[in-house]
Amino acid sequence: MRVIVNVVVLLCFVLAMQSCKKASEVSEKITDTSMKKLDAMDKSKALAQKTDIANLRQAVSSFQAAEGRYPKDLAELEQFAGVTIDKGIYKYDPNTGSLAQMQ
């Protein structure tokens, strides 16, 4: 009887260890997938930011061509282009028309 109890305890221990191993593998897969998704999101955000600043620079050029001067500020560019600009993330120089994203 004692041998049977020991075998059952040992079997339970082995099954518990296997369960922990599988849980660890699943956790690693979830972590890997999450990291890949975050990386893809970061790349997508970077591309969107590059596109946004390129479009705004084009709007500055269009304003300059239409008005013969650069916009006095981003609010004037916003009105001209008919877009909403997050003014807190761009550095704009009305003397040169240069537009850069703040770091």
C-alpha atoms as a PDB file:
ATOM      1  CA  MET A   1       0.000   0.000   0.000  1.00  0.00           C
ATOM      2  CA  ARG A   2       2.828   2.359   0.855  1.00  0.00           C
ATOM      3  CA  VAL A   3       4.393   1.732  -2.557  1.00  0.00           C
ATOM      4  CA  ILE A   4       1.131   2.655  -4.298  1.00  0.00           C
ATOM      5  CA  VAL A   5       0.892   5.908  -2.315  1.00  0.00           C
ATOM      6  CA  ASN A   6       4.509   6.747  -3.210  1.00  0.00           C
ATOM      7  CA  VAL A   7       3.852   6.013  -6.906  1.00  0.00           C
ATOM      8  CA  VAL A   8       0.721   8.195  -6.875  1.00  0.00           C
ATOM      9  CA  VAL A   9       2.605  11.042  -5.153  1.00  0.00           C
ATOM     10  CA  LEU A  10       5.465  10.717  -7.636  1.00  0.00           C
ATOM     11  CA  LEU A  11       3.034  10.667 -10.551  1.00  0.00           C
ATOM     12  CA  CYS A  12       1.288  13.804  -9.232  1.00  0.00           C
ATOM     13  CA  PHE A  13       4.681  15.508  -8.885  1.00  0.00           C
ATOM     14  CA  VAL A  14       5.669  14.606 -12.469  1.00  0.00           C
ATOM     15  CA  LEU A  15       2.337  15.838 -13.820  1.00  0.00           C
ATOM     16  CA  ALA A  16       2.662  19.083 -11.878  1.00  0.00           C
ATOM     17  CA  MET A  17       6.165  19.631 -13.281  1.00  0.00           C
ATOM     18  CA  GLN A  18       4.934  19.003 -16.840  1.00  0.00           C
ATOM     19  CA  SER A  19       2.093  21.445 -16.302  1.00  0.00           C
ATOM     20  CA  CYS A  20       4.511  24.128 -15.097  1.00  0.00           C
ATOM     21  CA  LYS A  21       6.785  23.519 -18.094  1.00  0.00           C
ATOM     22  CA  LYS A  22       3.875  23.895 -20.537  1.00  0.00           C
ATOM     23  CA  ALA A  23       2.682  27.045 -18.761  1.00  0.00           C
ATOM     24  CA  SER A  24       6.176  28.481 -19.051  1.00  0.00           C
ATOM     25  CA  GLU A  25       6.306  27.687 -22.792  1.00  0.00           C
ATOM     26  CA  VAL A  26       2.910  29.321 -23.329  1.00  0.00           C
ATOM     27  CA  SER A  27       4.048  32.368 -21.361  1.00  0.00           C
ATOM     28  CA  GLU A  28       7.178  32.658 -23.513  1.00  0.00           C
ATOM     29  CA  LYS A  29       5.107  32.441 -26.706  1.00  0.00           C
ATOM     30  CA  ILE A  30       2.725  35.126 -25.461  1.00  0.00           C
ATOM     31  CA  THR A  31       5.633  37.383 -24.502  1.00  0.00           C
ATOM     32  CA  ASP A  32       7.305  36.870 -27.895  1.00  0.00           C
ATOM     33  CA  THR A  33       4.078  37.614 -29.759  1.00  0.00           C
ATOM     34  CA  SER A  34       3.446  40.710 -27.645  1.00  0.00           C
ATOM     35  CA  MET A  35       6.946  42.028 -28.300  1.00  0.00           C
ATOM     36  CA  LYS A  36       6.513  41.521 -32.050  1.00  0.00           C
ATOM     37  CA  LYS A  37       3.215  43.403 -31.986  1.00  0.00           C
ATOM     38  CA  LEU A  38       4.726  46.274 -29.985  1.00  0.00           C
ATOM     39  CA  ASP A  39       7.638  46.459 -32.435  1.00  0.00           C
ATOM     40  CA  ALA A  40       5.237  46.589 -35.368  1.00  0.00           C
ATOM     41  CA  MET A  41       3.227  49.330 -33.659  1.00  0.00           C
ATOM     42  CA  ASP A  42       6.388  51.360 -33.009  1.00  0.00           C
ATOM     43  CA  LYS A  43       7.421  51.052 -36.664  1.00  0.00           C
ATOM     44  CA  SER A  44       3.927  52.058 -37.770  1.00  0.00           C
ATOM     45  CA  LYS A  45       3.974  55.111 -35.489  1.00  0.00           C
ATOM     46  CA  ALA A  46       7.390  56.175 -36.786  1.00  0.00           C
ATOM     47  CA  LEU A  47       6.207  55.884 -40.383  1.00  0.00           C
ATOM     48  CA  ALA A  48       3.053  57.877 -39.620  1.00  0.00           C
ATOM     49  CA  GLN A  49       5.125  60.625 -37.980  1.00  0.00           C
ATOM     50  CA  LYS A  50       7.441  60.825 -41.005  1.00  0.00           C
ATOM     51  CA  THR A  51       4.440  61.037 -43.301  1.00  0.00           C
ATOM     52  CA  ASP A  52       2.787  63.709 -41.142  1.00  0.00           C
ATOM     53  CA  ILE A  53       5.842  65.958 -41.083  1.00  0.00           C
ATOM     54  CA  ALA A  54       6.370  65.526 -44.830  1.00  0.00           C
ATOM     55  CA  ASN A  55       2.750  66.555 -45.444  1.00  0.00           C
ATOM     56  CA  LEU A  56       3.085  69.575 -43.153  1.00  0.00           C
ATOM     57  CA  ARG A  57       6.287  70.660 -44.873  1.00  0.00           C
ATOM     58  CA  GLN A  58       4.451  70.432 -48.189  1.00  0.00           C
ATOM     59  CA  ALA A  59       1.662  72.561 -46.719  1.00  0.00           C
ATOM     60  CA  VAL A  60       4.248  75.173 -45.655  1.00  0.00           C
ATOM     61  CA  SER A  61       5.601  75.210 -49.225  1.00  0.00           C
ATOM     62  CA  SER A  62       2.099  75.529 -50.654  1.00  0.00           C
ATOM     63  CA  PHE A  63       1.306  78.386 -48.277  1.00  0.00           C
ATOM     64  CA  GLN A  64       4.525  80.162 -49.265  1.00  0.00           C
ATOM     65  CA  ALA A  65       3.738  79.736 -52.953  1.00  0.00           C
ATOM     66  CA  ALA A  66       0.178  81.022 -52.510  1.00  0.00           C
ATOM     67  CA  GLU A  67       0.858  83.872 -50.085  1.00  0.00           C
ATOM     68  CA  GLY A  68       4.447  84.853 -50.926  1.00  0.00           C
ATOM     69  CA  ARG A  69       5.492  84.348 -47.305  1.00  0.00           C
ATOM     70  CA  TYR A  70       5.672  81.625 -44.703  1.00  0.00           C
ATOM     71  CA  PRO A  71       2.826  81.135 -42.215  1.00  0.00           C
ATOM     72  CA  LYS A  72       3.303  83.246 -39.092  1.00  0.00           C
ATOM     73  CA  ASP A  73       2.578  80.200 -36.918  1.00  0.00           C
ATOM     74  CA  LEU A  74       1.183  76.682 -37.009  1.00  0.00           C
ATOM     75  CA  ALA A  75      -2.335  77.976 -36.354  1.00  0.00           C
ATOM     76  CA  GLU A  76      -2.227  79.921 -39.630  1.00  0.00           C
ATOM     77  CA  LEU A  77      -0.913  76.821 -41.429  1.00  0.00           C
ATOM     78  CA  GLU A  78      -3.694  74.796 -39.840  1.00  0.00           C
ATOM     79  CA  GLN A  79      -6.315  77.178 -41.173  1.00  0.00           C
ATOM     80  CA  PHE A  80      -4.744  77.262 -44.638  1.00  0.00           C
ATOM     81  CA  ALA A  81      -4.387  73.484 -44.937  1.00  0.00           C
ATOM     82  CA  GLY A  82      -7.680  72.635 -43.249  1.00  0.00           C
ATOM     83  CA  VAL A  83      -6.040  70.201 -40.851  1.00  0.00           C
ATOM     84  CA  THR A  84      -5.547  69.929 -37.113  1.00  0.00           C
ATOM     85  CA  ILE A  85      -1.908  70.123 -36.020  1.00  0.00           C
ATOM     86  CA  ASP A  86      -0.643  68.982 -32.642  1.00  0.00           C
ATOM     87  CA  LYS A  87       1.366  72.134 -32.022  1.00  0.00           C
ATOM     88  CA  GLY A  88       3.122  70.654 -28.989  1.00  0.00           C
ATOM     89  CA  ILE A  89       5.184  68.207 -31.043  1.00  0.00           C
ATOM     90  CA  TYR A  90       6.513  70.503 -33.788  1.00  0.00           C
ATOM     91  CA  LYS A  91       9.092  73.251 -33.793  1.00  0.00           C
ATOM     92  CA  TYR A  92       8.310  75.834 -36.469  1.00  0.00           C
ATOM     93  CA  ASP A  93      10.391  78.831 -37.582  1.00  0.00           C
ATOM     94  CA  PRO A  94       8.219  81.383 -39.435  1.00  0.00           C
ATOM     95  CA  ASN A  95      11.313  83.190 -40.759  1.00  0.00           C
ATOM     96  CA  THR A  96      12.594  80.192 -42.706  1.00  0.00           C
ATOM     97  CA  GLY A  97       9.509  77.982 -42.916  1.00  0.00           C
ATOM     98  CA  SER A  98      11.445  75.119 -41.345  1.00  0.00           C
ATOM     99  CA  LEU A  99       9.417  72.557 -39.503  1.00  0.00           C
ATOM    100  CA  ALA A 100      10.857  69.856 -37.266  1.00  0.00           C
ATOM    101  CA  GLN A 101       9.489  67.379 -34.828  1.00  0.00           C
ATOM    102  CA  MET A 102      10.560  67.951 -31.231  1.00  0.00           C
ATOM    103  CA  GLN A 103      12.439  65.112 -29.643  1.00  0.00           C
END
